[in-house]
Amino acid sequence: MASLHERILVTLLSLLMLVAATTTLLAAAQTLVPSPQAKPGCLEKCGGLTIPYPFGLGEACSMRPEFTLTCDESTTAPPSANFTNSTFTFPITITNFSLVDGELQVMQEIARNCYDEEGYNTNSSSSLELPPSYTISTKNNFFTLGCNVLAVYLQGVDVGYQTGVNVALCMDILGEELTESCIGVGCAQTSIPSGLQNISIGLASLNGYNANDPWESNYKCSYAFIVEEGNFTFAPKTSFQQLNTTIQQLPVAVNWAIGDEPCAVAKNLTDYSCKENTICVDRSTISTETAAGYICRCLPGYEGNPYLGCRDIDECTTSSRDPCTNGKCVNSPPGNYSCKCNKGFRNQDDMTCIPYSWLNNTSLKISLGVSIGFLVLVVVISWMYWEITKGGSSNSKRSTSKKTVA
């Protein structure tokens, strides 16, 4: 049976191990806590989507009314974040945010023009009405899929009249096959100009529907839509089927900015939105968009939400591995770190440790050179002194001998 002292010792060791483990877990938890994205006291999530400030769920949680969103949990689908402007004919669902680029992603309905077996037509248009200070990004393309169909997009005259046209044709020589390229045969695409805000899309057949045409009988519907680059690739064997059965909406990239002023003006305003450790970026410099206003970004070496304030990145704890090889990482704000080298290593620079060798140490080589030079000089002087005194002694002896003989 263990003695009382042994049991006490085991208990103390267990407590020490528990404290050490708890301390380690707390430290790890602190390094894993992400920077807050929502305004303090506000909900940060709608379903699985993070809502970053200046956007917010409710007026008290957003910077301004145009950034106010609602979280719709009324459907059986995952909750969706929507704009709250009551003038919209239907909610605009947001699926992604980018604070760095001043962009967000919304879902847009697809315009359709279909014929049934008897030749009756059903036609549905599509529209996108954005709040003020938002524009449709030029990262989107305008697609038209179908046989002998004309598609048109139109921006309302209240925000500047603009229009665009796509025509997708059929050719008898192709039979029932389509090429993989979207070059006007069964599929056409064009780019989107900058500055579009309110857009409507419609399409119509150029020659009606011919049930006896084998090509048209296989592709009874035509489609028109705008979509963000990289989110749609024309594939003739699957695109028509997917658009007819599974794809009802497609993502569209939208630009946003803070206000209408450039950085040079905004920095002098009382409601300037970029907080500590941030920089101001003019919206017009991000791309070729002719957009006004500005956005905020964290300075290099900092992370977080620039509209709430960015904090220093502790590279020593946030990295998946120690950034210092053969050394100990030391965080050194602002936004930097250095390496304290282990024994046997030295700093090549603040962040790199290399094996220590006197052959690579310039100051040591200089010191050794000076020391060796000094030693050689001492030896030479000593030798010269010895030779001089030796010669003097010999002359003295010869002089003494001559005097004696005389």
Protein backbone atom coordinates (compact mmCIF):
# COMPACT_ATOMS: atom_id res chain seq x y z
CA MET A 1 0.00 0.00 0.00
CA ALA A 2 1.33 3.42 -1.00
CA SER A 3 2.32 5.69 1.83
CA LEU A 4 0.54 8.96 2.55
CA HIS A 5 3.50 10.95 1.22
CA GLU A 6 3.43 9.03 -2.06
CA ARG A 7 -0.30 9.61 -2.52
CA ILE A 8 0.09 13.33 -1.81
CA LEU A 9 2.94 13.50 -4.32
CA VAL A 10 0.87 11.75 -7.02
CA THR A 11 -2.06 14.11 -6.35
CA LEU A 12 0.17 17.19 -6.65
CA LEU A 13 1.71 15.93 -9.88
CA SER A 14 -1.80 15.28 -11.31
CA LEU A 15 -2.88 18.81 -10.38
CA LEU A 16 0.21 20.29 -12.00
CA MET A 17 -0.43 18.33 -15.20
CA LEU A 18 -4.08 19.49 -15.20
CA VAL A 19 -3.06 23.14 -14.76
CA ALA A 20 -0.49 22.85 -17.55
CA ALA A 21 -3.01 21.25 -19.89
CA THR A 22 -5.64 23.89 -19.08
CA THR A 23 -3.14 26.70 -19.71
CA THR A 24 -2.18 25.18 -23.05
CA LEU A 25 -5.81 24.82 -24.11
CA LEU A 26 -6.60 28.42 -23.11
CA ALA A 27 -3.61 29.70 -25.07
CA ALA A 28 -4.63 27.67 -28.10
CA ALA A 29 -8.21 28.90 -27.79
CA GLN A 30 -7.03 32.50 -27.69
CA THR A 31 -5.00 32.08 -30.88
CA LEU A 32 -7.92 30.41 -32.67
CA VAL A 33 -10.54 33.06 -31.82
CA PRO A 34 -11.23 34.93 -35.09
CA SER A 35 -11.59 38.68 -35.22
CA PRO A 36 -15.22 39.82 -34.81
CA GLN A 37 -16.91 40.73 -38.08
CA ALA A 38 -20.25 42.10 -36.85
CA LYS A 39 -20.87 45.22 -34.82
CA PRO A 40 -20.66 44.48 -31.06
CA GLY A 41 -23.93 43.10 -29.74
CA CYS A 42 -25.19 42.13 -33.21
CA LEU A 43 -25.78 38.74 -34.81
CA GLU A 44 -22.88 37.73 -37.03
CA LYS A 45 -24.46 34.79 -38.86
CA CYS A 46 -27.47 34.18 -41.08
CA GLY A 47 -27.48 30.44 -41.57
CA GLY A 48 -23.91 29.62 -42.55
CA LEU A 49 -23.17 33.09 -43.96
CA THR A 50 -21.12 35.61 -41.95
CA ILE A 51 -22.52 39.15 -42.15
CA PRO A 52 -19.57 41.58 -41.89
CA TYR A 53 -19.97 45.20 -40.82
CA PRO A 54 -20.79 47.72 -42.47
CA PHE A 55 -23.56 45.25 -43.32
CA GLY A 56 -25.82 44.18 -40.48
CA LEU A 57 -29.03 42.37 -39.61
CA GLY A 58 -31.27 45.28 -38.67
CA GLU A 59 -30.79 49.06 -38.77
CA ALA A 60 -28.98 49.20 -35.43
CA CYS A 61 -26.36 46.75 -36.68
CA SER A 62 -25.53 48.30 -40.07
CA MET A 63 -23.61 51.44 -40.96
CA ARG A 64 -26.38 52.94 -43.10
CA PRO A 65 -29.81 51.90 -44.45
CA GLU A 66 -28.33 50.63 -47.75
CA PHE A 67 -26.30 48.09 -45.75
CA THR A 68 -29.24 46.85 -43.68
CA LEU A 69 -30.20 43.20 -44.26
CA THR A 70 -32.75 40.71 -43.00
CA CYS A 71 -32.31 37.02 -42.34
CA ASP A 72 -35.20 35.07 -43.84
CA GLU A 73 -35.81 31.86 -41.89
CA SER A 74 -39.35 31.31 -43.13
CA THR A 75 -38.53 28.66 -45.74
CA THR A 76 -37.44 25.05 -45.37
CA ALA A 77 -34.21 25.92 -47.19
CA PRO A 78 -31.21 27.34 -45.28
CA PRO A 79 -31.84 30.91 -44.01
CA SER A 80 -31.01 33.62 -46.56
CA ALA A 81 -29.66 37.15 -46.10
CA ASN A 82 -31.68 39.68 -48.12
CA PHE A 83 -31.77 43.42 -48.75
CA THR A 84 -34.65 45.05 -46.88
CA ASN A 85 -35.58 47.86 -49.33
CA SER A 86 -39.37 47.63 -49.62
CA THR A 87 -39.40 48.98 -53.19
CA PHE A 88 -37.93 45.75 -54.57
CA THR A 89 -40.41 43.50 -56.32
CA PHE A 90 -38.77 40.45 -54.71
CA PRO A 91 -35.95 39.93 -52.18
CA ILE A 92 -32.36 39.95 -53.39
CA THR A 93 -30.56 37.05 -51.75
CA ILE A 94 -26.89 37.57 -50.83
CA THR A 95 -24.62 34.52 -50.81
CA ASN A 96 -21.14 35.97 -50.22
CA PHE A 97 -19.27 39.10 -49.08
CA SER A 98 -15.79 40.42 -49.85
CA LEU A 99 -14.58 43.32 -47.71
CA VAL A 100 -11.17 43.31 -49.43
CA ASP A 101 -12.61 43.80 -52.93
CA GLY A 102 -15.76 45.74 -52.04
CA GLU A 103 -17.93 43.05 -53.62
CA LEU A 104 -20.82 40.81 -52.75
CA GLN A 105 -22.55 37.98 -54.57
CA VAL A 106 -26.30 37.87 -55.15
CA MET A 107 -28.55 35.32 -56.80
CA GLN A 108 -30.33 36.30 -60.03
CA GLU A 109 -33.32 34.63 -61.72
CA ILE A 110 -32.97 33.25 -65.26
CA ALA A 111 -35.19 34.58 -68.09
CA ARG A 112 -36.89 31.81 -70.08
CA ASN A 113 -38.77 31.40 -73.34
CA CYS A 114 -40.35 27.95 -73.72
CA TYR A 115 -42.74 26.14 -76.09
CA ASP A 116 -44.84 23.08 -75.30
CA GLU A 117 -45.61 20.21 -77.68
CA GLU A 118 -48.48 22.14 -79.24
CA GLY A 119 -46.43 25.25 -79.83
CA TYR A 120 -47.81 27.40 -77.00
CA ASN A 121 -45.33 29.85 -75.61
CA THR A 122 -44.52 30.66 -71.98
CA ASN A 123 -42.17 33.55 -71.42
CA SER A 124 -40.62 34.85 -68.18
CA SER A 125 -38.30 37.84 -67.83
CA SER A 126 -35.73 38.58 -65.15
CA SER A 127 -34.78 41.77 -63.36
CA LEU A 128 -32.29 42.97 -60.77
CA GLU A 129 -32.83 46.24 -58.87
CA LEU A 130 -29.88 47.22 -56.72
CA PRO A 131 -29.94 49.80 -53.90
CA PRO A 132 -28.07 53.10 -54.36
CA SER A 133 -24.24 52.88 -54.33
CA TYR A 134 -24.32 49.34 -55.75
CA THR A 135 -23.45 48.44 -59.35
CA ILE A 136 -23.25 45.21 -61.31
CA SER A 137 -19.61 44.20 -61.67
CA THR A 138 -17.91 43.83 -65.05
CA LYS A 139 -16.81 40.42 -63.76
CA ASN A 140 -20.18 39.16 -65.03
CA ASN A 141 -21.09 38.02 -68.56
CA PHE A 142 -24.41 38.07 -70.41
CA PHE A 143 -25.39 34.64 -71.78
CA THR A 144 -28.09 33.56 -74.23
CA LEU A 145 -28.83 29.88 -74.92
CA GLY A 146 -31.34 28.65 -77.50
CA CYS A 147 -32.30 28.32 -81.13
CA ASN A 148 -32.86 31.47 -83.21
CA VAL A 149 -33.51 33.59 -80.16
CA LEU A 150 -32.94 37.25 -79.34
CA ALA A 151 -32.11 38.32 -75.77
CA VAL A 152 -31.94 41.91 -74.50
CA TYR A 153 -30.85 43.48 -71.23
CA LEU A 154 -31.98 47.01 -70.41
CA GLN A 155 -31.12 49.45 -67.65
CA GLY A 156 -33.88 51.89 -66.73
CA VAL A 157 -33.75 55.48 -67.91
CA ASP A 158 -33.91 56.81 -64.33
CA VAL A 159 -30.29 55.73 -63.78
CA GLY A 160 -28.98 56.11 -67.31
CA TYR A 161 -30.29 54.21 -70.31
CA GLN A 162 -28.13 51.29 -71.49
CA THR A 163 -28.94 48.19 -73.46
CA GLY A 164 -27.25 45.07 -74.78
CA VAL A 165 -28.27 42.35 -77.26
CA ASN A 166 -27.38 38.68 -77.71
CA VAL A 167 -28.49 36.48 -80.61
CA ALA A 168 -28.18 32.68 -80.56
CA LEU A 169 -28.81 31.02 -83.93
CA CYS A 170 -29.24 27.46 -85.24
CA MET A 171 -27.72 26.05 -88.41
CA ASP A 172 -29.19 23.13 -90.33
CA ILE A 173 -25.77 21.75 -91.17
CA LEU A 174 -25.18 21.04 -87.48
CA GLY A 175 -28.12 18.69 -87.23
CA GLU A 176 -28.85 18.00 -83.59
CA GLU A 177 -25.29 18.60 -82.38
CA LEU A 178 -23.84 21.76 -80.86
CA THR A 179 -20.23 22.80 -80.59
CA GLU A 180 -18.61 23.17 -77.17
CA SER A 181 -17.88 26.87 -77.75
CA CYS A 182 -20.29 29.67 -76.92
CA ILE A 183 -19.75 31.60 -80.17
CA GLY A 184 -23.31 32.29 -81.36
CA VAL A 185 -24.52 28.84 -82.42
CA GLY A 186 -26.89 27.67 -79.70
CA CYS A 187 -25.03 29.88 -77.22
CA ALA A 188 -23.89 33.50 -77.28
CA GLN A 189 -22.20 35.65 -74.67
CA THR A 190 -21.08 39.25 -74.27
CA SER A 191 -19.41 41.30 -71.55
CA ILE A 192 -21.20 43.67 -69.19
CA PRO A 193 -20.39 47.42 -69.22
CA SER A 194 -19.55 49.17 -65.97
CA GLY A 195 -22.08 51.19 -64.02
CA LEU A 196 -25.20 49.05 -64.52
CA GLN A 197 -27.53 49.31 -61.55
CA ASN A 198 -31.09 48.33 -62.47
CA ILE A 199 -31.30 45.72 -65.19
CA SER A 200 -34.10 43.79 -66.90
CA ILE A 201 -33.58 40.78 -69.17
CA GLY A 202 -36.03 39.42 -71.73
CA LEU A 203 -35.88 37.17 -74.77
CA ALA A 204 -38.03 36.13 -77.72
CA SER A 205 -37.89 33.72 -80.64
CA LEU A 206 -36.93 35.18 -84.01
CA ASN A 207 -39.09 32.82 -86.07
CA GLY A 208 -41.53 31.20 -83.65
CA TYR A 209 -41.44 27.49 -82.92
CA ASN A 210 -41.24 24.78 -85.57
CA ALA A 211 -42.15 21.37 -84.12
CA ASN A 212 -40.93 19.69 -87.30
CA ASP A 213 -37.43 21.05 -86.87
CA PRO A 214 -35.49 18.28 -85.05
CA TRP A 215 -33.09 20.81 -83.51
CA GLU A 216 -35.85 22.97 -82.03
CA SER A 217 -37.85 19.93 -80.88
CA ASN A 218 -34.90 18.87 -78.71
CA TYR A 219 -34.31 22.38 -77.28
CA LYS A 220 -37.80 23.69 -76.55
CA CYS A 221 -36.60 26.40 -74.15
CA SER A 222 -34.27 29.35 -74.55
CA TYR A 223 -32.51 31.09 -71.66
CA ALA A 224 -30.88 34.44 -70.93
CA PHE A 225 -29.02 35.53 -67.78
CA ILE A 226 -26.03 37.38 -66.37
CA VAL A 227 -23.60 35.35 -64.28
CA GLU A 228 -20.28 35.90 -62.50
CA GLU A 229 -17.23 34.67 -64.39
CA GLY A 230 -16.29 31.11 -63.50
CA ASN A 231 -19.80 30.15 -62.35
CA PHE A 232 -21.16 28.94 -65.68
CA THR A 233 -19.53 26.98 -68.50
CA PHE A 234 -21.52 26.08 -71.60
CA ALA A 235 -21.76 22.33 -72.11
CA PRO A 236 -24.31 21.48 -74.85
CA LYS A 237 -25.07 18.00 -73.54
CA THR A 238 -25.91 19.18 -70.00
CA SER A 239 -26.52 22.96 -69.88
CA PHE A 240 -30.02 22.91 -71.40
CA GLN A 241 -31.08 20.01 -69.19
CA GLN A 242 -29.76 21.64 -66.01
CA LEU A 243 -31.33 25.02 -66.79
CA ASN A 244 -34.65 23.29 -67.42
CA THR A 245 -34.66 21.17 -64.27
CA THR A 246 -32.21 22.15 -61.53
CA ILE A 247 -30.79 25.64 -62.09
CA GLN A 248 -33.26 28.43 -61.35
CA GLN A 249 -30.81 31.15 -60.25
CA LEU A 250 -27.16 31.97 -60.88
CA PRO A 251 -24.66 34.11 -58.90
CA VAL A 252 -23.96 37.71 -59.93
CA ALA A 253 -21.03 39.82 -58.65
CA VAL A 254 -22.02 43.26 -57.34
CA ASN A 255 -19.78 46.20 -56.39
CA TRP A 256 -20.35 48.33 -53.30
CA ALA A 257 -18.53 51.24 -51.69
CA ILE A 258 -18.71 53.57 -48.70
CA GLY A 259 -20.33 56.81 -49.79
CA ASP A 260 -19.53 58.67 -53.00
CA GLU A 261 -16.34 60.46 -51.97
CA PRO A 262 -12.76 59.47 -52.85
CA CYS A 263 -10.28 58.81 -50.03
CA ALA A 264 -8.71 62.28 -50.25
CA VAL A 265 -12.07 63.84 -49.38
CA ALA A 266 -13.43 61.12 -47.08
CA LYS A 267 -10.44 61.27 -44.70
CA ASN A 268 -11.45 64.81 -43.71
CA LEU A 269 -15.08 63.92 -42.97
CA THR A 270 -16.49 63.28 -39.50
CA ASP A 271 -18.07 59.99 -40.65
CA TYR A 272 -14.86 58.59 -42.18
CA SER A 273 -15.27 54.82 -41.90
CA CYS A 274 -11.72 53.37 -41.88
CA LYS A 275 -10.70 52.54 -38.30
CA GLU A 276 -7.27 51.97 -36.71
CA ASN A 277 -4.57 50.02 -38.56
CA THR A 278 -6.31 50.39 -41.93
CA ILE A 279 -5.83 52.05 -45.29
CA CYS A 280 -8.35 53.77 -47.54
CA VAL A 281 -8.70 52.51 -51.14
CA ASP A 282 -10.57 54.37 -53.86
CA ARG A 283 -13.21 52.17 -55.46
CA SER A 284 -12.09 53.32 -58.92
CA THR A 285 -8.55 51.93 -58.40
CA ILE A 286 -9.64 48.37 -57.65
CA SER A 287 -10.59 47.58 -61.26
CA THR A 288 -11.65 49.30 -64.47
CA GLU A 289 -15.06 50.02 -62.96
CA THR A 290 -16.17 53.65 -63.13
CA ALA A 291 -17.40 53.53 -59.54
CA ALA A 292 -17.29 56.26 -56.91
CA GLY A 293 -16.64 55.97 -53.20
CA TYR A 294 -14.02 54.09 -51.23
CA ILE A 295 -13.49 50.92 -49.21
CA CYS A 296 -11.22 50.15 -46.25
CA ARG A 297 -8.57 47.43 -45.90
CA CYS A 298 -6.37 46.22 -43.03
CA LEU A 299 -2.72 47.24 -43.19
CA PRO A 300 -0.23 44.47 -44.09
CA GLY A 301 0.42 42.35 -41.01
CA TYR A 302 -3.03 43.07 -39.54
CA GLU A 303 -6.34 41.21 -39.70
CA GLY A 304 -9.99 41.74 -38.86
CA ASN A 305 -12.78 44.00 -40.04
CA PRO A 306 -11.38 47.38 -41.20
CA TYR A 307 -14.68 49.09 -40.38
CA LEU A 308 -14.37 47.97 -36.74
CA GLY A 309 -10.57 48.06 -36.41
CA CYS A 310 -7.78 45.68 -37.39
CA ARG A 311 -5.46 43.92 -34.95
CA ASP A 312 -1.89 42.76 -35.26
CA ILE A 313 -1.39 39.25 -36.61
CA ASP A 314 0.68 37.22 -34.15
CA GLU A 315 2.59 35.17 -36.70
CA CYS A 316 4.12 33.12 -33.88
CA THR A 317 0.75 31.61 -32.88
CA THR A 318 -1.55 31.93 -35.89
CA SER A 319 0.67 29.98 -38.29
CA SER A 320 0.10 26.23 -38.63
CA ARG A 321 3.83 25.77 -37.99
CA ASP A 322 6.55 27.77 -36.27
CA PRO A 323 7.77 30.33 -38.85
CA CYS A 324 11.24 30.25 -37.27
CA THR A 325 13.41 27.27 -38.19
CA ASN A 326 16.20 26.69 -35.64
CA GLY A 327 14.94 29.54 -33.50
CA LYS A 328 12.17 30.91 -31.29
CA CYS A 329 9.53 33.16 -32.82
CA VAL A 330 9.08 36.57 -31.18
CA ASN A 331 6.05 38.65 -32.24
CA SER A 332 7.00 42.25 -32.93
CA PRO A 333 4.16 44.59 -33.80
CA PRO A 334 3.28 46.35 -35.90
CA GLY A 335 2.56 43.38 -38.13
CA ASN A 336 5.90 41.64 -37.93
CA TYR A 337 7.99 39.03 -36.12
CA SER A 338 11.62 38.08 -35.54
CA CYS A 339 13.52 34.89 -34.73
CA LYS A 340 15.72 34.41 -31.66
CA CYS A 341 18.16 31.78 -32.86
CA ASN A 342 18.94 28.59 -30.97
CA LYS A 343 22.44 27.84 -29.66
CA GLY A 344 24.75 27.08 -32.56
CA PHE A 345 22.81 29.31 -34.96
CA ARG A 346 22.89 33.00 -35.77
CA ASN A 347 20.63 35.50 -37.52
CA GLN A 348 21.19 35.93 -41.23
CA ASP A 349 18.34 38.46 -40.98
CA ASP A 350 15.57 39.11 -38.45
CA MET A 351 13.56 36.11 -39.67
CA THR A 352 16.22 33.57 -40.70
CA CYS A 353 18.58 31.46 -38.56
CA ILE A 354 21.60 29.78 -40.11
CA PRO A 355 24.33 27.52 -38.61
CA TYR A 356 26.89 29.50 -36.68
CA SER A 357 30.41 29.41 -38.15
CA TRP A 358 33.31 31.79 -37.62
CA LEU A 359 34.00 31.52 -41.34
CA ASN A 360 30.66 33.24 -41.95
CA ASN A 361 31.07 35.83 -39.20
CA THR A 362 32.39 39.04 -40.74
CA SER A 363 33.04 40.82 -37.44
CA LEU A 364 34.87 37.78 -36.08
CA LYS A 365 36.98 37.52 -39.23
CA ILE A 366 37.86 41.22 -38.93
CA SER A 367 38.76 40.78 -35.26
CA LEU A 368 40.90 37.73 -36.02
CA GLY A 369 42.58 39.54 -38.91
CA VAL A 370 43.40 42.52 -36.71
CA SER A 371 44.66 40.25 -33.91
CA ILE A 372 46.84 38.15 -36.22
CA GLY A 373 48.18 41.28 -37.89
CA PHE A 374 48.99 42.78 -34.52
CA LEU A 375 50.68 39.55 -33.43
CA VAL A 376 52.77 39.47 -36.62
CA LEU A 377 53.71 43.11 -36.07
CA VAL A 378 54.80 42.36 -32.52
CA VAL A 379 56.89 39.40 -33.72
CA VAL A 380 58.51 41.48 -36.47
CA ILE A 381 59.30 44.37 -34.10
CA SER A 382 60.66 41.93 -31.51
CA TRP A 383 62.81 40.24 -34.12
CA MET A 384 64.10 43.58 -35.40
CA TYR A 385 64.83 44.71 -31.83
CA TRP A 386 66.63 41.47 -31.13
CA GLU A 387 68.72 41.79 -34.29
CA ILE A 388 69.62 45.40 -33.48
CA THR A 389 70.57 44.64 -29.89
CA LYS A 390 72.46 41.55 -31.02
CA GLY A 391 74.44 43.59 -33.52
CA GLY A 392 75.18 46.29 -30.94
CA SER A 393 76.41 43.72 -28.46
CA SER A 394 78.77 42.16 -31.04
CA ASN A 395 80.27 45.55 -31.96
CA SER A 396 80.81 46.36 -28.30
CA LYS A 397 82.65 43.10 -27.74
CA ARG A 398 84.93 43.66 -30.75
CA SER A 399 85.75 47.17 -29.57
CA THR A 400 86.64 45.91 -26.12
CA SER A 401 88.93 43.21 -27.56
CA LYS A 402 90.87 45.78 -29.61
CA LYS A 403 91.47 47.96 -26.60
CA THR A 404 92.81 45.03 -24.59
CA VAL A 405 95.29 44.02 -27.31
CA ALA A 406 96.57 47.55 -27.53
